[in-house]
Each structure stands twice: as structure tokens, then as C-alpha cells.
Amino acid sequence: VTFNGPITQIASEGFANCRSLTEINLPSSLERIENRAFYNCRSLNNVILPSSIRYIGNQSFYNCTGMTDITINAINIPDIEYNCFSNAYIQNIYVLDELYDNYLGYGNWSNYAGKIRRISEKI
């Protein structure tokens, strides 16, 4: 999925249960991913969040079992709900190198501290 034109949010359940969705190109204007936006998108496997992202809602990527890595290019650490990645098979959360240490202890990101990696470590 590719968006035409600027959008600032993905609505709650906007892509929920789209089981054939494998990749989404999120626009650079995106600020918010609302609750359950990609809920149960089991084939989703390539997610790169833009530098503008500020919020990732409750169960946004719940049960996205095809997603092993996510890259977050945010220039400010986005707020997340504690279970935004629940039941997804995420092994690596890549963040900007200069923000790496800050992610480890920031809000609900601490729940994912063992998966957070510097973007420079991405192969």
C-alpha cells in the first residue's frame, strides 16, 4: 500500500484484519498510528516508520506474526501504548543511533528494551 498525498494518522482499525497486506509505505507526514490500525495483519513484514511519527496506539501491530523487524526513523521518541506490538514476532526494533539510550528507559519502550537496536546495526 502506498499513500497519495499527505496524511497525519492511520485511523483505528484502518487496516485491521488485512491478512494479505505484506508491505506499507507510510508517508513522511504520518504522526499517529491509532489503536489496532494494523491489528491481525499477519503477512505484514516490512514496516518503516517515518521521522514524523509521534504516537503508536494500543494493539496497533497486534498479531502481526509476519513482522520480525520494524524501523523507527523518529527524530523524537514516539509515545507508545504498552501492548502496541503484542503477539507480533518482532525481534528487532531499529531506532536512530543518537536516540538509542533514550529509548531504553522511555515510557513503555522499556518493555521492548531487549529488542531495541541502533539503526547502524541493521544489515
PDB file of N, CA and C in Angstrom:
ATOM      1  N   VAL A   1       0.848  -1.176   0.000  1.00  0.00           N
ATOM      2  CA  VAL A   1       0.000   0.000   0.000  1.00  0.00           C
ATOM      3  C   VAL A   1       0.887   1.231   0.000  1.00  0.00           C
ATOM      4  N   THR A   2       0.575   2.159  -0.873  1.00  0.00           N
ATOM      5  CA  THR A   2       1.262   3.446  -0.940  1.00  0.00           C
ATOM      6  C   THR A   2       0.215   4.536  -0.889  1.00  0.00           C
ATOM      7  N   PHE A   3       0.476   5.572  -0.105  1.00  0.00           N
ATOM      8  CA  PHE A   3      -0.469   6.668   0.049  1.00  0.00           C
ATOM      9  C   PHE A   3      -0.158   7.786  -0.930  1.00  0.00           C
ATOM     10  N   ASN A   4      -1.190   8.367  -1.496  1.00  0.00           N
ATOM     11  CA  ASN A   4      -1.040   9.537  -2.361  1.00  0.00           C
ATOM     12  C   ASN A   4      -1.415  10.765  -1.550  1.00  0.00           C
ATOM     13  N   GLY A   5      -0.490  11.659  -1.386  1.00  0.00           N
ATOM     14  CA  GLY A   5      -0.763  12.868  -0.623  1.00  0.00           C
ATOM     15  C   GLY A   5      -0.452  12.702   0.842  1.00  0.00           C
ATOM     16  N   PRO A   6      -0.384  13.809   1.550  1.00  0.00           N
ATOM     17  CA  PRO A   6      -0.023  13.771   2.965  1.00  0.00           C
ATOM     18  C   PRO A   6      -1.182  13.304   3.848  1.00  0.00           C
ATOM     19  N   ILE A   7      -0.862  12.444   4.790  1.00  0.00           N
ATOM     20  CA  ILE A   7      -1.817  12.062   5.828  1.00  0.00           C
ATOM     21  C   ILE A   7      -1.077  12.160   7.159  1.00  0.00           C
ATOM     22  N   THR A   8      -1.816  12.426   8.220  1.00  0.00           N
ATOM     23  CA  THR A   8      -1.174  12.555   9.526  1.00  0.00           C
ATOM     24  C   THR A   8      -1.482  11.391  10.455  1.00  0.00           C
ATOM     25  N   GLN A   9      -2.489  10.583  10.130  1.00  0.00           N
ATOM     26  CA  GLN A   9      -2.789   9.447  11.001  1.00  0.00           C
ATOM     27  C   GLN A   9      -3.385   8.286  10.216  1.00  0.00           C
ATOM     28  N   ILE A  10      -3.162   7.102  10.778  1.00  0.00           N
ATOM     29  CA  ILE A  10      -3.843   5.897  10.326  1.00  0.00           C
ATOM     30  C   ILE A  10      -4.953   5.673  11.350  1.00  0.00           C
ATOM     31  N   ALA A  11      -6.182   5.609  10.914  1.00  0.00           N
ATOM     32  CA  ALA A  11      -7.342   5.511  11.805  1.00  0.00           C
ATOM     33  C   ALA A  11      -7.362   4.195  12.570  1.00  0.00           C
ATOM     34  N   SER A  12      -8.064   4.207  13.688  1.00  0.00           N
ATOM     35  CA  SER A  12      -8.278   2.972  14.452  1.00  0.00           C
ATOM     36  C   SER A  12      -8.865   1.902  13.540  1.00  0.00           C
ATOM     37  N   GLU A  13      -8.250   0.734  13.568  1.00  0.00           N
ATOM     38  CA  GLU A  13      -8.657  -0.421  12.768  1.00  0.00           C
ATOM     39  C   GLU A  13      -8.665  -0.134  11.268  1.00  0.00           C
ATOM     40  N   GLY A  14      -7.897   0.864  10.846  1.00  0.00           N
ATOM     41  CA  GLY A  14      -7.858   1.242   9.440  1.00  0.00           C
ATOM     42  C   GLY A  14      -7.482   0.112   8.496  1.00  0.00           C
ATOM     43  N   PHE A  15      -6.573  -0.749   8.927  1.00  0.00           N
ATOM     44  CA  PHE A  15      -6.152  -1.890   8.108  1.00  0.00           C
ATOM     45  C   PHE A  15      -6.333  -3.201   8.870  1.00  0.00           C
ATOM     46  N   ALA A  16      -7.109  -3.199   9.929  1.00  0.00           N
ATOM     47  CA  ALA A  16      -7.291  -4.397  10.758  1.00  0.00           C
ATOM     48  C   ALA A  16      -7.769  -5.575   9.917  1.00  0.00           C
ATOM     49  N   ASN A  17      -7.175  -6.707  10.186  1.00  0.00           N
ATOM     50  CA  ASN A  17      -7.530  -7.980   9.542  1.00  0.00           C
ATOM     51  C   ASN A  17      -7.260  -8.027   8.045  1.00  0.00           C
ATOM     52  N   CYS A  18      -6.391  -7.163   7.546  1.00  0.00           N
ATOM     53  CA  CYS A  18      -5.967  -7.239   6.133  1.00  0.00           C
ATOM     54  C   CYS A  18      -4.844  -8.276   6.062  1.00  0.00           C
ATOM     55  N   ARG A  19      -5.217  -9.503   6.037  1.00  0.00           N
ATOM     56  CA  ARG A  19      -4.235 -10.585   6.164  1.00  0.00           C
ATOM     57  C   ARG A  19      -3.319 -10.736   4.965  1.00  0.00           C
ATOM     58  N   SER A  20      -3.672 -10.166   3.834  1.00  0.00           N
ATOM     59  CA  SER A  20      -2.795 -10.259   2.670  1.00  0.00           C
ATOM     60  C   SER A  20      -1.872  -9.048   2.530  1.00  0.00           C
ATOM     61  N   LEU A  21      -1.999  -8.073   3.416  1.00  0.00           N
ATOM     62  CA  LEU A  21      -1.132  -6.888   3.392  1.00  0.00           C
ATOM     63  C   LEU A  21       0.282  -7.292   3.792  1.00  0.00           C
ATOM     64  N   THR A  22       1.237  -7.108   2.894  1.00  0.00           N
ATOM     65  CA  THR A  22       2.611  -7.502   3.181  1.00  0.00           C
ATOM     66  C   THR A  22       3.536  -6.310   3.416  1.00  0.00           C
ATOM     67  N   GLU A  23       3.235  -5.191   2.777  1.00  0.00           N
ATOM     68  CA  GLU A  23       4.123  -4.033   2.884  1.00  0.00           C
ATOM     69  C   GLU A  23       3.302  -2.759   2.799  1.00  0.00           C
ATOM     70  N   ILE A  24       3.741  -1.755   3.548  1.00  0.00           N
ATOM     71  CA  ILE A  24       3.062  -0.465   3.512  1.00  0.00           C
ATOM     72  C   ILE A  24       4.110   0.634   3.506  1.00  0.00           C
ATOM     73  N   ASN A  25       3.949   1.572   2.594  1.00  0.00           N
ATOM     74  CA  ASN A  25       4.860   2.718   2.501  1.00  0.00           C
ATOM     75  C   ASN A  25       4.187   3.899   3.179  1.00  0.00           C
ATOM     76  N   LEU A  26       4.612   4.173   4.389  1.00  0.00           N
ATOM     77  CA  LEU A  26       3.987   5.226   5.180  1.00  0.00           C
ATOM     78  C   LEU A  26       4.547   6.589   4.782  1.00  0.00           C
ATOM     79  N   PRO A  27       3.685   7.576   4.664  1.00  0.00           N
ATOM     80  CA  PRO A  27       4.128   8.900   4.218  1.00  0.00           C
ATOM     81  C   PRO A  27       4.943   9.629   5.282  1.00  0.00           C
ATOM     82  N   SER A  28       5.779  10.537   4.839  1.00  0.00           N
ATOM     83  CA  SER A  28       6.644  11.298   5.753  1.00  0.00           C
ATOM     84  C   SER A  28       5.847  12.240   6.644  1.00  0.00           C
ATOM     85  N   SER A  29       4.590  12.453   6.349  1.00  0.00           N
ATOM     86  CA  SER A  29       3.730  13.334   7.152  1.00  0.00           C
ATOM     87  C   SER A  29       3.040  12.607   8.311  1.00  0.00           C
ATOM     88  N   LEU A  30       3.160  11.278   8.387  1.00  0.00           N
ATOM     89  CA  LEU A  30       2.432  10.491   9.379  1.00  0.00           C
ATOM     90  C   LEU A  30       2.905  10.794  10.799  1.00  0.00           C
ATOM     91  N   GLU A  31       1.952  11.127  11.675  1.00  0.00           N
ATOM     92  CA  GLU A  31       2.260  11.423  13.075  1.00  0.00           C
ATOM     93  C   GLU A  31       1.687  10.398  14.037  1.00  0.00           C
ATOM     94  N   ARG A  32       0.559   9.794  13.684  1.00  0.00           N
ATOM     95  CA  ARG A  32      -0.130   8.908  14.618  1.00  0.00           C
ATOM     96  C   ARG A  32      -0.589   7.614  13.941  1.00  0.00           C
ATOM     97  N   ILE A  33      -0.393   6.518  14.647  1.00  0.00           N
ATOM     98  CA  ILE A  33      -0.980   5.237  14.272  1.00  0.00           C
ATOM     99  C   ILE A  33      -1.930   4.891  15.415  1.00  0.00           C
ATOM    100  N   GLU A  34      -3.200   4.912  15.136  1.00  0.00           N
ATOM    101  CA  GLU A  34      -4.207   4.758  16.180  1.00  0.00           C
ATOM    102  C   GLU A  34      -4.399   3.288  16.562  1.00  0.00           C
ATOM    103  N   ASN A  35      -5.200   3.066  17.595  1.00  0.00           N
ATOM    104  CA  ASN A  35      -5.432   1.731  18.157  1.00  0.00           C
ATOM    105  C   ASN A  35      -5.835   0.723  17.085  1.00  0.00           C
ATOM    106  N   ARG A  36      -5.176  -0.411  17.142  1.00  0.00           N
ATOM    107  CA  ARG A  36      -5.494  -1.566  16.294  1.00  0.00           C
ATOM    108  C   ARG A  36      -5.446  -1.257  14.793  1.00  0.00           C
ATOM    109  N   ALA A  37      -4.653  -0.297  14.407  1.00  0.00           N
ATOM    110  CA  ALA A  37      -4.595   0.110  12.997  1.00  0.00           C
ATOM    111  C   ALA A  37      -4.197  -1.043  12.072  1.00  0.00           C
ATOM    112  N   PHE A  38      -3.240  -1.854  12.498  1.00  0.00           N
ATOM    113  CA  PHE A  38      -2.781  -2.985  11.687  1.00  0.00           C
ATOM    114  C   PHE A  38      -3.039  -4.310  12.404  1.00  0.00           C
ATOM    115  N   TYR A  39      -4.024  -4.326  13.254  1.00  0.00           N
ATOM    116  CA  TYR A  39      -4.377  -5.493  14.044  1.00  0.00           C
ATOM    117  C   TYR A  39      -4.579  -6.713  13.146  1.00  0.00           C
ATOM    118  N   ASN A  40      -3.877  -7.795  13.474  1.00  0.00           N
ATOM    119  CA  ASN A  40      -4.054  -9.077  12.809  1.00  0.00           C
ATOM    120  C   ASN A  40      -3.656  -9.058  11.333  1.00  0.00           C
ATOM    121  N   CYS A  41      -2.761  -8.175  10.958  1.00  0.00           N
ATOM    122  CA  CYS A  41      -2.212  -8.169   9.589  1.00  0.00           C
ATOM    123  C   CYS A  41      -1.044  -9.155   9.580  1.00  0.00           C
ATOM    124  N   ARG A  42      -1.362 -10.411   9.506  1.00  0.00           N
ATOM    125  CA  ARG A  42      -0.382 -11.477   9.715  1.00  0.00           C
ATOM    126  C   ARG A  42       0.716 -11.543   8.674  1.00  0.00           C
ATOM    127  N   SER A  43       0.496 -11.010   7.505  1.00  0.00           N
ATOM    128  CA  SER A  43       1.512 -11.071   6.449  1.00  0.00           C
ATOM    129  C   SER A  43       2.378  -9.826   6.388  1.00  0.00           C
ATOM    130  N   LEU A  44       2.043  -8.817   7.162  1.00  0.00           N
ATOM    131  CA  LEU A  44       2.815  -7.570   7.153  1.00  0.00           C
ATOM    132  C   LEU A  44       4.230  -7.846   7.630  1.00  0.00           C
ATOM    133  N   ASN A  45       5.217  -7.473   6.813  1.00  0.00           N
ATOM    134  CA  ASN A  45       6.590  -7.814   7.185  1.00  0.00           C
ATOM    135  C   ASN A  45       7.595  -6.704   6.966  1.00  0.00           C
ATOM    136  N   ASN A  46       7.208  -5.622   6.378  1.00  0.00           N
ATOM    137  CA  ASN A  46       8.173  -4.567   6.087  1.00  0.00           C
ATOM    138  C   ASN A  46       7.594  -3.241   6.560  1.00  0.00           C
ATOM    139  N   VAL A  47       7.966  -2.820   7.775  1.00  0.00           N
ATOM    140  CA  VAL A  47       7.426  -1.586   8.319  1.00  0.00           C
ATOM    141  C   VAL A  47       8.569  -0.632   8.655  1.00  0.00           C
ATOM    142  N   ILE A  48       8.490   0.544   8.062  1.00  0.00           N
ATOM    143  CA  ILE A  48       9.434   1.624   8.352  1.00  0.00           C
ATOM    144  C   ILE A  48       8.598   2.838   8.726  1.00  0.00           C
ATOM    145  N   LEU A  49       8.757   3.296   9.960  1.00  0.00           N
ATOM    146  CA  LEU A  49       8.000   4.453  10.426  1.00  0.00           C
ATOM    147  C   LEU A  49       8.797   5.724  10.149  1.00  0.00           C
ATOM    148  N   PRO A  50       8.127   6.770   9.677  1.00  0.00           N
ATOM    149  CA  PRO A  50       8.824   7.999   9.272  1.00  0.00           C
ATOM    150  C   PRO A  50       9.311   8.825  10.460  1.00  0.00           C
ATOM    151  N   SER A  51      10.128   9.806  10.159  1.00  0.00           N
ATOM    152  CA  SER A  51      10.698  10.671  11.197  1.00  0.00           C
ATOM    153  C   SER A  51       9.637  11.469  11.939  1.00  0.00           C
ATOM    154  N   SER A  52       8.469  11.627  11.345  1.00  0.00           N
ATOM    155  CA  SER A  52       7.401  12.443  11.930  1.00  0.00           C
ATOM    156  C   SER A  52       6.531  11.701  12.942  1.00  0.00           C
ATOM    157  N   ILE A  53       6.689  10.381  13.075  1.00  0.00           N
ATOM    158  CA  ILE A  53       5.790   9.600  13.935  1.00  0.00           C
ATOM    159  C   ILE A  53       5.918  10.050  15.396  1.00  0.00           C
ATOM    160  N   ARG A  54       4.750  10.252  16.048  1.00  0.00           N
ATOM    161  CA  ARG A  54       4.722  10.729  17.433  1.00  0.00           C
ATOM    162  C   ARG A  54       3.986   9.790  18.375  1.00  0.00           C
ATOM    163  N   TYR A  55       3.131   8.908  17.824  1.00  0.00           N
ATOM    164  CA  TYR A  55       2.298   8.060  18.679  1.00  0.00           C
ATOM    165  C   TYR A  55       1.970   6.748  17.970  1.00  0.00           C
ATOM    166  N   ILE A  56       2.061   5.645  18.734  1.00  0.00           N
ATOM    167  CA  ILE A  56       1.675   4.322  18.252  1.00  0.00           C
ATOM    168  C   ILE A  56       0.694   3.763  19.275  1.00  0.00           C
ATOM    169  N   GLY A  57      -0.541   3.537  18.852  1.00  0.00           N
ATOM    170  CA  GLY A  57      -1.634   3.198  19.749  1.00  0.00           C
ATOM    171  C   GLY A  57      -1.697   1.751  20.206  1.00  0.00           C
ATOM    172  N   ASN A  58      -2.665   1.513  21.062  1.00  0.00           N
ATOM    173  CA  ASN A  58      -2.933   0.226  21.661  1.00  0.00           C
ATOM    174  C   ASN A  58      -3.157  -0.849  20.591  1.00  0.00           C
ATOM    175  N   GLN A  59      -2.419  -1.928  20.677  1.00  0.00           N
ATOM    176  CA  GLN A  59      -2.525  -3.075  19.772  1.00  0.00           C
ATOM    177  C   GLN A  59      -2.401  -2.696  18.299  1.00  0.00           C
ATOM    178  N   SER A  60      -1.660  -1.648  18.002  1.00  0.00           N
ATOM    179  CA  SER A  60      -1.507  -1.203  16.611  1.00  0.00           C
ATOM    180  C   SER A  60      -0.996  -2.296  15.688  1.00  0.00           C
ATOM    181  N   PHE A  61      -0.056  -3.086  16.181  1.00  0.00           N
ATOM    182  CA  PHE A  61       0.531  -4.160  15.384  1.00  0.00           C
ATOM    183  C   PHE A  61       0.295  -5.531  16.037  1.00  0.00           C
ATOM    184  N   TYR A  62      -0.785  -5.636  16.776  1.00  0.00           N
ATOM    185  CA  TYR A  62      -1.104  -6.883  17.477  1.00  0.00           C
ATOM    186  C   TYR A  62      -1.294  -8.014  16.473  1.00  0.00           C
ATOM    187  N   ASN A  63      -0.676  -9.144  16.755  1.00  0.00           N
ATOM    188  CA  ASN A  63      -0.811 -10.363  15.959  1.00  0.00           C
ATOM    189  C   ASN A  63      -0.289 -10.206  14.532  1.00  0.00           C
ATOM    190  N   CYS A  64       0.640  -9.294  14.339  1.00  0.00           N
ATOM    191  CA  CYS A  64       1.321  -9.172  13.043  1.00  0.00           C
ATOM    192  C   CYS A  64       2.476 -10.168  13.063  1.00  0.00           C
ATOM    193  N   THR A  65       2.134 -11.425  12.906  1.00  0.00           N
ATOM    194  CA  THR A  65       3.090 -12.507  13.121  1.00  0.00           C
ATOM    195  C   THR A  65       4.152 -12.615  12.028  1.00  0.00           C
ATOM    196  N   GLY A  66       3.971 -11.944  10.907  1.00  0.00           N
ATOM    197  CA  GLY A  66       4.983 -11.946   9.857  1.00  0.00           C
ATOM    198  C   GLY A  66       6.036 -10.866  10.039  1.00  0.00           C
ATOM    199  N   MET A  67       5.828  -9.998  10.989  1.00  0.00           N
ATOM    200  CA  MET A  67       6.714  -8.848  11.187  1.00  0.00           C
ATOM    201  C   MET A  67       7.805  -9.200  12.197  1.00  0.00           C
ATOM    202  N   THR A  68       9.040  -9.273  11.726  1.00  0.00           N
ATOM    203  CA  THR A  68      10.150  -9.575  12.625  1.00  0.00           C
ATOM    204  C   THR A  68      10.980  -8.339  12.953  1.00  0.00           C
ATOM    205  N   ASP A  69      10.989  -7.366  12.066  1.00  0.00           N
ATOM    206  CA  ASP A  69      11.753  -6.133  12.280  1.00  0.00           C
ATOM    207  C   ASP A  69      10.879  -4.921  12.007  1.00  0.00           C
ATOM    208  N   ILE A  70      11.144  -3.859  12.738  1.00  0.00           N
ATOM    209  CA  ILE A  70      10.499  -2.577  12.479  1.00  0.00           C
ATOM    210  C   ILE A  70      11.574  -1.508  12.617  1.00  0.00           C
ATOM    211  N   THR A  71      11.540  -0.547  11.718  1.00  0.00           N
ATOM    212  CA  THR A  71      12.495   0.560  11.755  1.00  0.00           C
ATOM    213  C   THR A  71      11.735   1.830  12.081  1.00  0.00           C
ATOM    214  N   ILE A  72      12.231   2.558  13.066  1.00  0.00           N
ATOM    215  CA  ILE A  72      11.579   3.785  13.502  1.00  0.00           C
ATOM    216  C   ILE A  72      12.558   4.935  13.298  1.00  0.00           C
ATOM    217  N   ASN A  73      12.255   5.767  12.317  1.00  0.00           N
ATOM    218  CA  ASN A  73      13.126   6.888  11.967  1.00  0.00           C
ATOM    219  C   ASN A  73      12.761   8.169  12.702  1.00  0.00           C
ATOM    220  N   ALA A  74      12.007   8.051  13.782  1.00  0.00           N
ATOM    221  CA  ALA A  74      11.516   9.219  14.524  1.00  0.00           C
ATOM    222  C   ALA A  74      12.672  10.060  15.063  1.00  0.00           C
ATOM    223  N   ILE A  75      12.543  11.372  14.879  1.00  0.00           N
ATOM    224  CA  ILE A  75      13.560  12.281  15.410  1.00  0.00           C
ATOM    225  C   ILE A  75      13.286  12.619  16.876  1.00  0.00           C
ATOM    226  N   ASN A  76      12.084  12.326  17.335  1.00  0.00           N
ATOM    227  CA  ASN A  76      11.708  12.396  18.749  1.00  0.00           C
ATOM    228  C   ASN A  76      11.083  11.054  19.087  1.00  0.00           C
ATOM    229  N   ILE A  77      11.332  10.555  20.263  1.00  0.00           N
ATOM    230  CA  ILE A  77      10.815   9.243  20.635  1.00  0.00           C
ATOM    231  C   ILE A  77       9.291   9.298  20.684  1.00  0.00           C
ATOM    232  N   PRO A  78       8.628   8.465  19.893  1.00  0.00           N
ATOM    233  CA  PRO A  78       7.157   8.478  19.922  1.00  0.00           C
ATOM    234  C   PRO A  78       6.623   7.816  21.188  1.00  0.00           C
ATOM    235  N   ASP A  79       5.480   8.278  21.639  1.00  0.00           N
ATOM    236  CA  ASP A  79       4.791   7.618  22.738  1.00  0.00           C
ATOM    237  C   ASP A  79       4.120   6.372  22.193  1.00  0.00           C
ATOM    238  N   ILE A  80       4.165   5.311  22.985  1.00  0.00           N
ATOM    239  CA  ILE A  80       3.502   4.069  22.577  1.00  0.00           C
ATOM    240  C   ILE A  80       2.658   3.548  23.734  1.00  0.00           C
ATOM    241  N   GLU A  81       1.622   2.815  23.383  1.00  0.00           N
ATOM    242  CA  GLU A  81       0.853   2.086  24.379  1.00  0.00           C
ATOM    243  C   GLU A  81       1.618   0.803  24.701  1.00  0.00           C
ATOM    244  N   TYR A  82       1.445   0.301  25.908  1.00  0.00           N
ATOM    245  CA  TYR A  82       2.289  -0.790  26.393  1.00  0.00           C
ATOM    246  C   TYR A  82       2.187  -2.066  25.562  1.00  0.00           C
ATOM    247  N   ASN A  83       1.110  -2.272  24.845  1.00  0.00           N
ATOM    248  CA  ASN A  83       0.956  -3.520  24.098  1.00  0.00           C
ATOM    249  C   ASN A  83       0.807  -3.292  22.594  1.00  0.00           C
ATOM    250  N   CYS A  84       1.436  -2.268  22.082  1.00  0.00           N
ATOM    251  CA  CYS A  84       1.280  -1.961  20.654  1.00  0.00           C
ATOM    252  C   CYS A  84       1.862  -3.047  19.749  1.00  0.00           C
ATOM    253  N   PHE A  85       2.847  -3.802  20.230  1.00  0.00           N
ATOM    254  CA  PHE A  85       3.462  -4.861  19.431  1.00  0.00           C
ATOM    255  C   PHE A  85       3.158  -6.260  19.977  1.00  0.00           C
ATOM    256  N   SER A  86       2.139  -6.381  20.816  1.00  0.00           N
ATOM    257  CA  SER A  86       1.829  -7.676  21.441  1.00  0.00           C
ATOM    258  C   SER A  86       1.504  -8.739  20.396  1.00  0.00           C
ATOM    259  N   ASN A  87       1.984  -9.931  20.659  1.00  0.00           N
ATOM    260  CA  ASN A  87       1.744 -11.101  19.832  1.00  0.00           C
ATOM    261  C   ASN A  87       2.278 -10.950  18.407  1.00  0.00           C
ATOM    262  N   ALA A  88       3.159 -10.005  18.208  1.00  0.00           N
ATOM    263  CA  ALA A  88       3.903  -9.909  16.938  1.00  0.00           C
ATOM    264  C   ALA A  88       5.251 -10.579  17.190  1.00  0.00           C
ATOM    265  N   TYR A  89       5.879 -11.049  16.155  1.00  0.00           N
ATOM    266  CA  TYR A  89       7.131 -11.775  16.334  1.00  0.00           C
ATOM    267  C   TYR A  89       8.337 -10.867  16.091  1.00  0.00           C
ATOM    268  N   ILE A  90       8.241  -9.652  16.576  1.00  0.00           N
ATOM    269  CA  ILE A  90       9.308  -8.673  16.372  1.00  0.00           C
ATOM    270  C   ILE A  90      10.555  -9.089  17.148  1.00  0.00           C
ATOM    271  N   GLN A  91      11.652  -9.170  16.431  1.00  0.00           N
ATOM    272  CA  GLN A  91      12.937  -9.491  17.039  1.00  0.00           C
ATOM    273  C   GLN A  91      13.812  -8.248  17.173  1.00  0.00           C
ATOM    274  N   ASN A  92      13.635  -7.287  16.254  1.00  0.00           N
ATOM    275  CA  ASN A  92      14.477  -6.094  16.243  1.00  0.00           C
ATOM    276  C   ASN A  92      13.636  -4.848  16.019  1.00  0.00           C
ATOM    277  N   ILE A  93      13.867  -3.855  16.864  1.00  0.00           N
ATOM    278  CA  ILE A  93      13.267  -2.538  16.690  1.00  0.00           C
ATOM    279  C   ILE A  93      14.427  -1.586  16.469  1.00  0.00           C
ATOM    280  N   TYR A  94      14.590  -1.136  15.234  1.00  0.00           N
ATOM    281  CA  TYR A  94      15.713  -0.274  14.887  1.00  0.00           C
ATOM    282  C   TYR A  94      15.339   1.192  15.072  1.00  0.00           C
ATOM    283  N   VAL A  95      16.191   1.906  15.814  1.00  0.00           N
ATOM    284  CA  VAL A  95      15.961   3.322  16.099  1.00  0.00           C
ATOM    285  C   VAL A  95      17.221   4.115  15.759  1.00  0.00           C
ATOM    286  N   LEU A  96      17.060   5.426  15.636  1.00  0.00           N
ATOM    287  CA  LEU A  96      18.209   6.276  15.342  1.00  0.00           C
ATOM    288  C   LEU A  96      19.283   6.102  16.412  1.00  0.00           C
ATOM    289  N   ASP A  97      20.522   6.005  15.975  1.00  0.00           N
ATOM    290  CA  ASP A  97      21.639   5.761  16.884  1.00  0.00           C
ATOM    291  C   ASP A  97      21.686   6.758  18.040  1.00  0.00           C
ATOM    292  N   GLU A  98      21.474   8.028  17.721  1.00  0.00           N
ATOM    293  CA  GLU A  98      21.602   9.067  18.737  1.00  0.00           C
ATOM    294  C   GLU A  98      20.499   9.025  19.791  1.00  0.00           C
ATOM    295  N   LEU A  99      19.425   8.277  19.529  1.00  0.00           N
ATOM    296  CA  LEU A  99      18.325   8.162  20.490  1.00  0.00           C
ATOM    297  C   LEU A  99      18.285   6.807  21.190  1.00  0.00           C
ATOM    298  N   TYR A 100      19.149   5.913  20.807  1.00  0.00           N
ATOM    299  CA  TYR A 100      19.123   4.537  21.311  1.00  0.00           C
ATOM    300  C   TYR A 100      19.028   4.472  22.838  1.00  0.00           C
ATOM    301  N   ASP A 101      19.949   5.096  23.546  1.00  0.00           N
ATOM    302  CA  ASP A 101      19.953   5.037  25.010  1.00  0.00           C
ATOM    303  C   ASP A 101      18.672   5.606  25.606  1.00  0.00           C
ATOM    304  N   ASN A 102      18.122   6.615  24.990  1.00  0.00           N
ATOM    305  CA  ASN A 102      16.894   7.235  25.492  1.00  0.00           C
ATOM    306  C   ASN A 102      15.694   6.302  25.361  1.00  0.00           C
ATOM    307  N   TYR A 103      15.642   5.531  24.283  1.00  0.00           N
ATOM    308  CA  TYR A 103      14.532   4.595  24.100  1.00  0.00           C
ATOM    309  C   TYR A 103      14.480   3.568  25.228  1.00  0.00           C
ATOM    310  N   LEU A 104      15.635   3.116  25.670  1.00  0.00           N
ATOM    311  CA  LEU A 104      15.698   2.014  26.628  1.00  0.00           C
ATOM    312  C   LEU A 104      14.940   2.289  27.921  1.00  0.00           C
ATOM    313  N   GLY A 105      14.859   3.529  28.337  1.00  0.00           N
ATOM    314  CA  GLY A 105      14.181   3.842  29.578  1.00  0.00           C
ATOM    315  C   GLY A 105      12.989   4.758  29.432  1.00  0.00           C
ATOM    316  N   TYR A 106      12.526   4.967  28.207  1.00  0.00           N
ATOM    317  CA  TYR A 106      11.452   5.928  27.962  1.00  0.00           C
ATOM    318  C   TYR A 106      10.090   5.242  27.948  1.00  0.00           C
ATOM    319  N   GLY A 107       9.257   5.576  28.913  1.00  0.00           N
ATOM    320  CA  GLY A 107       7.869   5.101  28.931  1.00  0.00           C
ATOM    321  C   GLY A 107       7.745   3.614  28.664  1.00  0.00           C
ATOM    322  N   ASN A 108       6.798   3.255  27.827  1.00  0.00           N
ATOM    323  CA  ASN A 108       6.546   1.850  27.516  1.00  0.00           C
ATOM    324  C   ASN A 108       7.605   1.209  26.626  1.00  0.00           C
ATOM    325  N   TRP A 109       8.514   2.006  26.094  1.00  0.00           N
ATOM    326  CA  TRP A 109       9.598   1.428  25.306  1.00  0.00           C
ATOM    327  C   TRP A 109      10.457   0.495  26.149  1.00  0.00           C
ATOM    328  N   SER A 110      10.506   0.733  27.453  1.00  0.00           N
ATOM    329  CA  SER A 110      11.315  -0.131  28.322  1.00  0.00           C
ATOM    330  C   SER A 110      10.844  -1.588  28.254  1.00  0.00           C
ATOM    331  N   ASN A 111       9.582  -1.821  27.896  1.00  0.00           N
ATOM    332  CA  ASN A 111       9.072  -3.190  27.733  1.00  0.00           C
ATOM    333  C   ASN A 111       9.750  -3.916  26.581  1.00  0.00           C
ATOM    334  N   TYR A 112      10.323  -3.168  25.662  1.00  0.00           N
ATOM    335  CA  TYR A 112      10.947  -3.747  24.467  1.00  0.00           C
ATOM    336  C   TYR A 112      12.455  -3.536  24.454  1.00  0.00           C
ATOM    337  N   ALA A 113      13.045  -3.202  25.600  1.00  0.00           N
ATOM    338  CA  ALA A 113      14.470  -2.853  25.672  1.00  0.00           C
ATOM    339  C   ALA A 113      15.376  -3.920  25.053  1.00  0.00           C
ATOM    340  N   GLY A 114      15.042  -5.177  25.233  1.00  0.00           N
ATOM    341  CA  GLY A 114      15.868  -6.260  24.692  1.00  0.00           C
ATOM    342  C   GLY A 114      15.805  -6.394  23.182  1.00  0.00           C
ATOM    343  N   LYS A 115      14.892  -5.696  22.544  1.00  0.00           N
ATOM    344  CA  LYS A 115      14.729  -5.778  21.088  1.00  0.00           C
ATOM    345  C   LYS A 115      15.180  -4.507  20.373  1.00  0.00           C
ATOM    346  N   ILE A 116      15.440  -3.470  21.127  1.00  0.00           N
ATOM    347  CA  ILE A 116      15.806  -2.179  20.528  1.00  0.00           C
ATOM    348  C   ILE A 116      17.264  -2.227  20.092  1.00  0.00           C
ATOM    349  N   ARG A 117      17.486  -1.833  18.847  1.00  0.00           N
ATOM    350  CA  ARG A 117      18.830  -1.836  18.237  1.00  0.00           C
ATOM    351  C   ARG A 117      19.104  -0.486  17.586  1.00  0.00           C
ATOM    352  N   ARG A 118      20.367  -0.177  17.458  1.00  0.00           N
ATOM    353  CA  ARG A 118      20.780   1.017  16.710  1.00  0.00           C
ATOM    354  C   ARG A 118      20.547   0.761  15.225  1.00  0.00           C
ATOM    355  N   ILE A 119      20.084   1.771  14.534  1.00  0.00           N
ATOM    356  CA  ILE A 119      19.814   1.605  13.105  1.00  0.00           C
ATOM    357  C   ILE A 119      21.081   1.266  12.325  1.00  0.00           C
ATOM    358  N   SER A 120      22.229   1.667  12.840  1.00  0.00           N
ATOM    359  CA  SER A 120      23.504   1.344  12.183  1.00  0.00           C
ATOM    360  C   SER A 120      23.814  -0.154  12.255  1.00  0.00           C
ATOM    361  N   GLU A 121      23.132  -0.895  13.121  1.00  0.00           N
ATOM    362  CA  GLU A 121      23.322  -2.339  13.228  1.00  0.00           C
ATOM    363  C   GLU A 121      22.494  -3.112  12.210  1.00  0.00           C
ATOM    364  N   LYS A 122      21.598  -2.406  11.534  1.00  0.00           N
ATOM    365  CA  LYS A 122      20.717  -3.056  10.563  1.00  0.00           C
ATOM    366  C   LYS A 122      21.538  -3.515   9.364  1.00  0.00           C
ATOM    367  N   ILE A 123      21.333  -4.729   8.986  1.00  0.00           N
ATOM    368  CA  ILE A 123      22.089  -5.304   7.858  1.00  0.00           C
ATOM    369  C   ILE A 123      21.376  -5.010   6.558  1.00  0.00           C
TER     370      ILE A 123
END
